[in-house]
């Protein structure tokens, strides 16, 4: 199956699960929250959404393995693997803040070749395939043309399980606040990356993330003309190495320079 055809099927699956999440958001009972860690929350919605996605994705690409947040399936395959976050922004969802998404990436060997991010509340579906460009609700998207960090809006996330580098992170955050139009925190790394691809934000940085947080977003940004790296721009993998800087490409060097002062 060709990637564009496969992507269409993934979009359809994602929207069905998104409708389930959207319906549950109307009546979610916070007493049903479970804790994976102090600030690491999960609900039956995450688990049921993941089960739905896995079941349907198995139908369209039976040979693929899975990397999932909630552990519905843990078997990885030799060539293709789906990387799934069924509800990125769980804390937002639980508190009624309408910024949460479904993120699905498809990895072929070690490369992400397809990504879909569905921003559930606003019915925005972002998707990209290798060499096929990036889109939002069937319209092509492109990173912004801003050339300077001083003219940029930056987005980030805060660590919620590992606080060992918090002070360093806050120094970086302060520097960006002083050198840009501002820094935002939405609570969903997938949406952050989608909005970089769409040209809303010029840059995104965060550490201590997992592959299912960023896999789809990485290909979106790249196919929209942006650039993605680690904090030090070395030859590591932003999907699996737990740190990421994504930008429109124009301000990337400046972003890395800020981080290098403290990291």
C-alpha atoms as a PDB file:
ATOM      1  CA  UNK A   1       0.000   0.000   0.000  1.00  0.00           C
ATOM      2  CA  UNK A   2       1.348   3.420  -0.959  1.00  0.00           C
ATOM      3  CA  UNK A   3       1.932   5.977   1.793  1.00  0.00           C
ATOM      4  CA  UNK A   4      -0.746   8.473   0.617  1.00  0.00           C
ATOM      5  CA  UNK A   5      -3.379   5.729   0.552  1.00  0.00           C
ATOM      6  CA  UNK A   6      -2.251   4.448   3.930  1.00  0.00           C
ATOM      7  CA  UNK A   7      -2.364   7.982   5.326  1.00  0.00           C
ATOM      8  CA  UNK A   8      -5.988   8.405   4.225  1.00  0.00           C
ATOM      9  CA  UNK A   9      -6.926   5.270   6.128  1.00  0.00           C
ATOM     10  CA  UNK A  10      -5.061   6.434   9.245  1.00  0.00           C
ATOM     11  CA  UNK A  11      -6.839   9.794   9.113  1.00  0.00           C
ATOM     12  CA  UNK A  12     -10.227   8.064   8.968  1.00  0.00           C
ATOM     13  CA  UNK A  13      -9.331   5.827  11.917  1.00  0.00           C
ATOM     14  CA  UNK A  14      -8.019   8.777  13.901  1.00  0.00           C
ATOM     15  CA  UNK A  15     -11.169  10.830  13.380  1.00  0.00           C
ATOM     16  CA  UNK A  16     -13.394   8.002  14.592  1.00  0.00           C
ATOM     17  CA  UNK A  17     -11.366   7.682  17.784  1.00  0.00           C
ATOM     18  CA  UNK A  18     -11.317  11.465  18.057  1.00  0.00           C
ATOM     19  CA  UNK A  19     -15.110  11.512  18.028  1.00  0.00           C
ATOM     20  CA  UNK A  20     -15.084   9.062  20.946  1.00  0.00           C
ATOM     21  CA  UNK A  21     -12.671  11.272  22.907  1.00  0.00           C
ATOM     22  CA  UNK A  22     -14.674  14.411  22.125  1.00  0.00           C
ATOM     23  CA  UNK A  23     -17.879  12.770  23.363  1.00  0.00           C
ATOM     24  CA  UNK A  24     -16.214  11.575  26.570  1.00  0.00           C
ATOM     25  CA  UNK A  25     -14.858  15.069  27.216  1.00  0.00           C
ATOM     26  CA  UNK A  26     -18.409  16.346  27.669  1.00  0.00           C
ATOM     27  CA  UNK A  27     -19.044  14.232  30.749  1.00  0.00           C
ATOM     28  CA  UNK A  28     -15.649  13.103  32.033  1.00  0.00           C
ATOM     29  CA  UNK A  29     -15.590  12.374  35.769  1.00  0.00           C
ATOM     30  CA  UNK A  30     -12.278  13.393  37.342  1.00  0.00           C
ATOM     31  CA  UNK A  31     -12.714  10.780  40.058  1.00  0.00           C
ATOM     32  CA  UNK A  32     -11.806   8.215  37.382  1.00  0.00           C
ATOM     33  CA  UNK A  33      -8.272   9.582  37.027  1.00  0.00           C
ATOM     34  CA  UNK A  34      -5.440   7.101  37.570  1.00  0.00           C
ATOM     35  CA  UNK A  35      -1.841   8.013  38.399  1.00  0.00           C
ATOM     36  CA  UNK A  36       1.135   6.491  36.605  1.00  0.00           C
ATOM     37  CA  UNK A  37       3.291   8.929  38.600  1.00  0.00           C
ATOM     38  CA  UNK A  38       2.875  12.072  40.690  1.00  0.00           C
ATOM     39  CA  UNK A  39       1.938  14.266  37.708  1.00  0.00           C
ATOM     40  CA  UNK A  40       1.597  11.511  35.109  1.00  0.00           C
ATOM     41  CA  UNK A  41      -2.115  10.912  34.664  1.00  0.00           C
ATOM     42  CA  UNK A  42      -4.137   8.382  32.692  1.00  0.00           C
ATOM     43  CA  UNK A  43      -7.825   7.569  32.325  1.00  0.00           C
ATOM     44  CA  UNK A  44     -10.073   4.935  30.806  1.00  0.00           C
ATOM     45  CA  UNK A  45     -10.366   7.284  27.816  1.00  0.00           C
ATOM     46  CA  UNK A  46      -6.629   6.968  27.041  1.00  0.00           C
ATOM     47  CA  UNK A  47      -6.813   3.197  27.321  1.00  0.00           C
ATOM     48  CA  UNK A  48      -9.984   2.707  25.281  1.00  0.00           C
ATOM     49  CA  UNK A  49      -8.798   5.129  22.603  1.00  0.00           C
ATOM     50  CA  UNK A  50      -5.518   3.246  22.286  1.00  0.00           C
ATOM     51  CA  UNK A  51      -7.312  -0.086  22.044  1.00  0.00           C
ATOM     52  CA  UNK A  52      -9.500   1.274  19.238  1.00  0.00           C
ATOM     53  CA  UNK A  53      -6.523   2.646  17.331  1.00  0.00           C
ATOM     54  CA  UNK A  54      -4.461  -0.523  17.664  1.00  0.00           C
ATOM     55  CA  UNK A  55      -7.346  -2.713  16.509  1.00  0.00           C
ATOM     56  CA  UNK A  56      -7.967  -0.641  13.382  1.00  0.00           C
ATOM     57  CA  UNK A  57      -4.302  -0.094  12.519  1.00  0.00           C
ATOM     58  CA  UNK A  58      -3.694  -3.837  12.732  1.00  0.00           C
ATOM     59  CA  UNK A  59      -6.317  -4.273  10.026  1.00  0.00           C
ATOM     60  CA  UNK A  60      -4.690  -1.919   7.523  1.00  0.00           C
ATOM     61  CA  UNK A  61      -1.062  -2.987   8.080  1.00  0.00           C
ATOM     62  CA  UNK A  62      -1.038  -6.431   9.737  1.00  0.00           C
ATOM     63  CA  UNK A  63       2.737  -6.838   9.566  1.00  0.00           C
ATOM     64  CA  UNK A  64       3.441  -3.717  11.637  1.00  0.00           C
ATOM     65  CA  UNK A  65       4.452  -3.657  15.282  1.00  0.00           C
ATOM     66  CA  UNK A  66       3.563  -1.051  17.886  1.00  0.00           C
ATOM     67  CA  UNK A  67       5.113   1.400  20.328  1.00  0.00           C
ATOM     68  CA  UNK A  68       2.271   2.707  22.484  1.00  0.00           C
ATOM     69  CA  UNK A  69       1.962   4.948  25.527  1.00  0.00           C
ATOM     70  CA  UNK A  70      -0.483   2.779  27.448  1.00  0.00           C
ATOM     71  CA  UNK A  71       1.061  -0.571  26.522  1.00  0.00           C
ATOM     72  CA  UNK A  72      -1.915  -2.088  24.691  1.00  0.00           C
ATOM     73  CA  UNK A  73       0.571  -3.855  22.404  1.00  0.00           C
ATOM     74  CA  UNK A  74       4.294  -4.115  23.054  1.00  0.00           C
ATOM     75  CA  UNK A  75       5.506  -6.226  20.126  1.00  0.00           C
ATOM     76  CA  UNK A  76       7.802  -4.477  17.665  1.00  0.00           C
ATOM     77  CA  UNK A  77       8.296  -5.608  14.081  1.00  0.00           C
ATOM     78  CA  UNK A  78      11.370  -5.671  11.859  1.00  0.00           C
ATOM     79  CA  UNK A  79      10.247  -3.138   9.236  1.00  0.00           C
ATOM     80  CA  UNK A  80       7.127  -1.170  10.207  1.00  0.00           C
ATOM     81  CA  UNK A  81       6.083   0.072  13.639  1.00  0.00           C
ATOM     82  CA  UNK A  82       3.215   2.346  14.626  1.00  0.00           C
ATOM     83  CA  UNK A  83       4.071   4.860  17.357  1.00  0.00           C
ATOM     84  CA  UNK A  84       0.897   5.941  19.147  1.00  0.00           C
ATOM     85  CA  UNK A  85      -0.169   8.460  21.757  1.00  0.00           C
ATOM     86  CA  UNK A  86      -3.952   8.021  21.987  1.00  0.00           C
ATOM     87  CA  UNK A  87      -4.469  11.199  24.018  1.00  0.00           C
ATOM     88  CA  UNK A  88      -1.597  13.673  24.106  1.00  0.00           C
ATOM     89  CA  UNK A  89      -2.591  16.323  26.609  1.00  0.00           C
ATOM     90  CA  UNK A  90      -4.337  14.015  29.058  1.00  0.00           C
ATOM     91  CA  UNK A  91      -4.152  16.542  31.898  1.00  0.00           C
ATOM     92  CA  UNK A  92      -5.760  19.201  29.685  1.00  0.00           C
ATOM     93  CA  UNK A  93      -8.514  16.737  28.777  1.00  0.00           C
ATOM     94  CA  UNK A  94      -9.204  15.844  32.397  1.00  0.00           C
ATOM     95  CA  UNK A  95      -9.527  19.492  33.415  1.00  0.00           C
ATOM     96  CA  UNK A  96     -11.698  20.511  30.488  1.00  0.00           C
ATOM     97  CA  UNK A  97      -8.988  22.494  28.697  1.00  0.00           C
ATOM     98  CA  UNK A  98      -9.685  21.924  24.983  1.00  0.00           C
ATOM     99  CA  UNK A  99      -6.121  21.286  23.833  1.00  0.00           C
ATOM    100  CA  UNK A 100      -5.470  17.583  23.369  1.00  0.00           C
ATOM    101  CA  UNK A 101      -4.696  15.374  20.419  1.00  0.00           C
ATOM    102  CA  UNK A 102      -4.160  11.941  18.954  1.00  0.00           C
ATOM    103  CA  UNK A 103      -0.676  11.348  17.565  1.00  0.00           C
ATOM    104  CA  UNK A 104       0.212   8.476  15.232  1.00  0.00           C
ATOM    105  CA  UNK A 105       3.554   8.003  13.525  1.00  0.00           C
ATOM    106  CA  UNK A 106       4.627   5.168  11.257  1.00  0.00           C
ATOM    107  CA  UNK A 107       8.280   4.177  11.418  1.00  0.00           C
ATOM    108  CA  UNK A 108       9.874   2.195   8.603  1.00  0.00           C
ATOM    109  CA  UNK A 109      13.075   0.687   9.962  1.00  0.00           C
ATOM    110  CA  UNK A 110      14.472   3.747  11.814  1.00  0.00           C
ATOM    111  CA  UNK A 111      12.726   6.490   9.818  1.00  0.00           C
ATOM    112  CA  UNK A 112       9.341   8.128  10.388  1.00  0.00           C
ATOM    113  CA  UNK A 113       7.536   8.021   7.029  1.00  0.00           C
ATOM    114  CA  UNK A 114       3.989   9.012   8.010  1.00  0.00           C
ATOM    115  CA  UNK A 115       2.473  11.155  10.727  1.00  0.00           C
ATOM    116  CA  UNK A 116      -1.056  12.141  11.717  1.00  0.00           C
ATOM    117  CA  UNK A 117      -1.976  14.518  14.540  1.00  0.00           C
ATOM    118  CA  UNK A 118      -5.651  15.121  15.212  1.00  0.00           C
ATOM    119  CA  UNK A 119      -6.413  18.130  17.397  1.00  0.00           C
ATOM    120  CA  UNK A 120      -9.700  16.816  18.689  1.00  0.00           C
ATOM    121  CA  UNK A 121     -11.517  19.842  20.097  1.00  0.00           C
ATOM    122  CA  UNK A 122     -11.021  22.054  17.049  1.00  0.00           C
ATOM    123  CA  UNK A 123     -11.293  19.253  14.476  1.00  0.00           C
ATOM    124  CA  UNK A 124      -7.901  20.020  12.947  1.00  0.00           C
ATOM    125  CA  UNK A 125      -6.214  17.064  11.295  1.00  0.00           C
ATOM    126  CA  UNK A 126      -2.525  17.494  10.483  1.00  0.00           C
ATOM    127  CA  UNK A 127      -0.760  14.887   8.386  1.00  0.00           C
ATOM    128  CA  UNK A 128       2.385  14.277   6.383  1.00  0.00           C
ATOM    129  CA  UNK A 129       4.078  11.494   4.450  1.00  0.00           C
ATOM    130  CA  UNK A 130       7.721  11.229   3.448  1.00  0.00           C
ATOM    131  CA  UNK A 131       8.250  13.408   0.391  1.00  0.00           C
ATOM    132  CA  UNK A 132       4.565  14.277   0.202  1.00  0.00           C
ATOM    133  CA  UNK A 133       4.416  17.574   2.071  1.00  0.00           C
ATOM    134  CA  UNK A 134       2.428  18.548   5.155  1.00  0.00           C
ATOM    135  CA  UNK A 135      -1.277  19.355   5.387  1.00  0.00           C
ATOM    136  CA  UNK A 136      -3.983  20.519   7.767  1.00  0.00           C
ATOM    137  CA  UNK A 137      -7.562  19.593   6.865  1.00  0.00           C
ATOM    138  CA  UNK A 138      -6.417  18.888   3.297  1.00  0.00           C
ATOM    139  CA  UNK A 139      -4.733  22.279   2.829  1.00  0.00           C
ATOM    140  CA  UNK A 140      -0.933  22.489   2.440  1.00  0.00           C
ATOM    141  CA  UNK A 141       0.887  24.027   5.394  1.00  0.00           C
ATOM    142  CA  UNK A 142       4.296  25.611   5.648  1.00  0.00           C
ATOM    143  CA  UNK A 143       6.519  26.803   8.466  1.00  0.00           C
ATOM    144  CA  UNK A 144       6.731  30.553   8.985  1.00  0.00           C
ATOM    145  CA  UNK A 145       9.208  32.755   7.173  1.00  0.00           C
ATOM    146  CA  UNK A 146      10.363  34.650  10.268  1.00  0.00           C
ATOM    147  CA  UNK A 147      14.143  35.016  10.203  1.00  0.00           C
ATOM    148  CA  UNK A 148      15.041  36.210  13.707  1.00  0.00           C
ATOM    149  CA  UNK A 149      14.467  34.797  17.176  1.00  0.00           C
ATOM    150  CA  UNK A 150      13.585  38.310  18.330  1.00  0.00           C
ATOM    151  CA  UNK A 151      10.522  38.215  16.032  1.00  0.00           C
ATOM    152  CA  UNK A 152       9.511  34.674  17.006  1.00  0.00           C
ATOM    153  CA  UNK A 153       6.901  33.025  19.200  1.00  0.00           C
ATOM    154  CA  UNK A 154       8.286  29.937  20.940  1.00  0.00           C
ATOM    155  CA  UNK A 155       6.447  27.021  22.531  1.00  0.00           C
ATOM    156  CA  UNK A 156       7.643  24.479  25.080  1.00  0.00           C
ATOM    157  CA  UNK A 157       6.526  21.970  27.663  1.00  0.00           C
ATOM    158  CA  UNK A 158       7.523  21.529  31.292  1.00  0.00           C
ATOM    159  CA  UNK A 159       8.867  18.250  32.688  1.00  0.00           C
ATOM    160  CA  UNK A 160       6.418  16.422  34.909  1.00  0.00           C
ATOM    161  CA  UNK A 161       8.344  13.328  35.992  1.00  0.00           C
ATOM    162  CA  UNK A 162      12.044  14.263  36.065  1.00  0.00           C
ATOM    163  CA  UNK A 163      12.796  17.504  37.887  1.00  0.00           C
ATOM    164  CA  UNK A 164      16.575  17.122  38.061  1.00  0.00           C
ATOM    165  CA  UNK A 165      17.224  19.709  35.355  1.00  0.00           C
ATOM    166  CA  UNK A 166      14.375  22.065  36.197  1.00  0.00           C
ATOM    167  CA  UNK A 167      16.597  24.963  37.248  1.00  0.00           C
ATOM    168  CA  UNK A 168      18.615  24.701  34.038  1.00  0.00           C
ATOM    169  CA  UNK A 169      15.418  24.489  32.030  1.00  0.00           C
ATOM    170  CA  UNK A 170      14.059  27.612  33.695  1.00  0.00           C
ATOM    171  CA  UNK A 171      17.235  29.483  32.761  1.00  0.00           C
ATOM    172  CA  UNK A 172      16.706  28.530  29.125  1.00  0.00           C
ATOM    173  CA  UNK A 173      13.053  29.504  29.386  1.00  0.00           C
ATOM    174  CA  UNK A 174      13.963  32.905  30.820  1.00  0.00           C
ATOM    175  CA  UNK A 175      16.452  33.521  28.019  1.00  0.00           C
ATOM    176  CA  UNK A 176      13.849  32.740  25.369  1.00  0.00           C
ATOM    177  CA  UNK A 177      11.340  34.990  27.120  1.00  0.00           C
ATOM    178  CA  UNK A 178      13.845  37.841  26.968  1.00  0.00           C
ATOM    179  CA  UNK A 179      14.887  37.253  23.363  1.00  0.00           C
ATOM    180  CA  UNK A 180      11.597  36.481  21.589  1.00  0.00           C
ATOM    181  CA  UNK A 181       7.995  37.668  21.364  1.00  0.00           C
ATOM    182  CA  UNK A 182       7.181  35.191  24.114  1.00  0.00           C
ATOM    183  CA  UNK A 183       6.993  31.563  25.180  1.00  0.00           C
ATOM    184  CA  UNK A 184       3.786  29.518  25.318  1.00  0.00           C
ATOM    185  CA  UNK A 185       2.978  26.193  26.978  1.00  0.00           C
ATOM    186  CA  UNK A 186      -0.013  24.300  25.529  1.00  0.00           C
ATOM    187  CA  UNK A 187       0.338  20.949  27.288  1.00  0.00           C
ATOM    188  CA  UNK A 188       0.549  18.749  24.177  1.00  0.00           C
ATOM    189  CA  UNK A 189       3.873  18.271  22.404  1.00  0.00           C
ATOM    190  CA  UNK A 190       2.073  16.900  19.362  1.00  0.00           C
ATOM    191  CA  UNK A 191       0.043  20.108  19.006  1.00  0.00           C
ATOM    192  CA  UNK A 192       3.169  22.186  19.637  1.00  0.00           C
ATOM    193  CA  UNK A 193       4.908  20.517  16.703  1.00  0.00           C
ATOM    194  CA  UNK A 194       1.835  20.723  14.479  1.00  0.00           C
ATOM    195  CA  UNK A 195       1.640  24.447  15.146  1.00  0.00           C
ATOM    196  CA  UNK A 196       5.318  24.875  14.236  1.00  0.00           C
ATOM    197  CA  UNK A 197       4.553  23.096  10.956  1.00  0.00           C
ATOM    198  CA  UNK A 198       1.571  25.401  10.398  1.00  0.00           C
ATOM    199  CA  UNK A 199       3.639  28.533  10.977  1.00  0.00           C
ATOM    200  CA  UNK A 200       1.965  29.606  14.236  1.00  0.00           C
ATOM    201  CA  UNK A 201       5.114  29.074  16.297  1.00  0.00           C
ATOM    202  CA  UNK A 202       8.638  29.594  15.020  1.00  0.00           C
ATOM    203  CA  UNK A 203      10.189  27.100  17.405  1.00  0.00           C
ATOM    204  CA  UNK A 204       9.617  24.359  19.976  1.00  0.00           C
ATOM    205  CA  UNK A 205      11.977  22.837  22.521  1.00  0.00           C
ATOM    206  CA  UNK A 206      11.518  20.260  25.258  1.00  0.00           C
ATOM    207  CA  UNK A 207      13.347  17.421  26.982  1.00  0.00           C
ATOM    208  CA  UNK A 208      12.325  14.163  28.644  1.00  0.00           C
ATOM    209  CA  UNK A 209       9.774  13.362  25.957  1.00  0.00           C
ATOM    210  CA  UNK A 210       8.918   9.936  24.585  1.00  0.00           C
ATOM    211  CA  UNK A 211       8.789   8.734  20.993  1.00  0.00           C
ATOM    212  CA  UNK A 212       4.988   8.677  20.981  1.00  0.00           C
ATOM    213  CA  UNK A 213       4.923  12.375  21.934  1.00  0.00           C
ATOM    214  CA  UNK A 214       6.917  13.541  18.916  1.00  0.00           C
ATOM    215  CA  UNK A 215       7.054  10.937  16.129  1.00  0.00           C
ATOM    216  CA  UNK A 216       4.210  12.364  14.039  1.00  0.00           C
ATOM    217  CA  UNK A 217       5.221  15.946  14.764  1.00  0.00           C
ATOM    218  CA  UNK A 218       8.785  15.422  13.573  1.00  0.00           C
ATOM    219  CA  UNK A 219       7.753  14.416  10.063  1.00  0.00           C
ATOM    220  CA  UNK A 220       5.136  17.178   9.980  1.00  0.00           C
ATOM    221  CA  UNK A 221       7.709  19.869  10.710  1.00  0.00           C
ATOM    222  CA  UNK A 222      10.222  18.461   8.248  1.00  0.00           C
ATOM    223  CA  UNK A 223       7.682  18.086   5.451  1.00  0.00           C
ATOM    224  CA  UNK A 224       6.456  21.636   6.127  1.00  0.00           C
ATOM    225  CA  UNK A 225       9.973  22.912   5.464  1.00  0.00           C
ATOM    226  CA  UNK A 226      11.231  23.092   9.030  1.00  0.00           C
ATOM    227  CA  UNK A 227      14.195  21.614  10.855  1.00  0.00           C
ATOM    228  CA  UNK A 228      14.378  19.224  13.809  1.00  0.00           C
ATOM    229  CA  UNK A 229      17.380  18.345  15.969  1.00  0.00           C
ATOM    230  CA  UNK A 230      18.583  17.546  19.446  1.00  0.00           C
ATOM    231  CA  UNK A 231      19.628  20.353  21.792  1.00  0.00           C
ATOM    232  CA  UNK A 232      23.195  20.097  20.483  1.00  0.00           C
ATOM    233  CA  UNK A 233      22.313  19.467  16.814  1.00  0.00           C
ATOM    234  CA  UNK A 234      24.405  16.295  16.775  1.00  0.00           C
ATOM    235  CA  UNK A 235      23.658  13.086  14.912  1.00  0.00           C
ATOM    236  CA  UNK A 236      21.184  11.727  17.455  1.00  0.00           C
ATOM    237  CA  UNK A 237      17.516  10.954  16.927  1.00  0.00           C
ATOM    238  CA  UNK A 238      14.955  13.543  18.155  1.00  0.00           C
ATOM    239  CA  UNK A 239      12.259  10.852  18.189  1.00  0.00           C
ATOM    240  CA  UNK A 240      14.007   8.539  20.657  1.00  0.00           C
ATOM    241  CA  UNK A 241      16.711  10.591  22.382  1.00  0.00           C
ATOM    242  CA  UNK A 242      14.309  12.448  24.715  1.00  0.00           C
ATOM    243  CA  UNK A 243      15.205  15.995  23.701  1.00  0.00           C
ATOM    244  CA  UNK A 244      14.058  18.013  20.721  1.00  0.00           C
ATOM    245  CA  UNK A 245      14.332  21.402  19.070  1.00  0.00           C
ATOM    246  CA  UNK A 246      12.007  22.005  16.115  1.00  0.00           C
ATOM    247  CA  UNK A 247      11.806  25.238  14.176  1.00  0.00           C
ATOM    248  CA  UNK A 248      11.070  26.910  10.885  1.00  0.00           C
ATOM    249  CA  UNK A 249      14.773  26.443  10.124  1.00  0.00           C
ATOM    250  CA  UNK A 250      15.454  30.160   9.963  1.00  0.00           C
ATOM    251  CA  UNK A 251      15.763  30.620  13.732  1.00  0.00           C
ATOM    252  CA  UNK A 252      17.193  27.195  14.542  1.00  0.00           C
ATOM    253  CA  UNK A 253      20.795  28.289  15.007  1.00  0.00           C
ATOM    254  CA  UNK A 254      19.733  31.051  17.396  1.00  0.00           C
ATOM    255  CA  UNK A 255      17.601  28.620  19.383  1.00  0.00           C
ATOM    256  CA  UNK A 256      20.526  26.229  19.764  1.00  0.00           C
ATOM    257  CA  UNK A 257      22.813  29.073  20.813  1.00  0.00           C
ATOM    258  CA  UNK A 258      20.462  29.955  23.671  1.00  0.00           C
ATOM    259  CA  UNK A 259      20.307  26.346  24.857  1.00  0.00           C
ATOM    260  CA  UNK A 260      24.091  25.918  24.593  1.00  0.00           C
ATOM    261  CA  UNK A 261      24.626  28.655  27.178  1.00  0.00           C
ATOM    262  CA  UNK A 262      22.986  26.554  29.891  1.00  0.00           C
ATOM    263  CA  UNK A 263      22.658  22.897  28.833  1.00  0.00           C
END
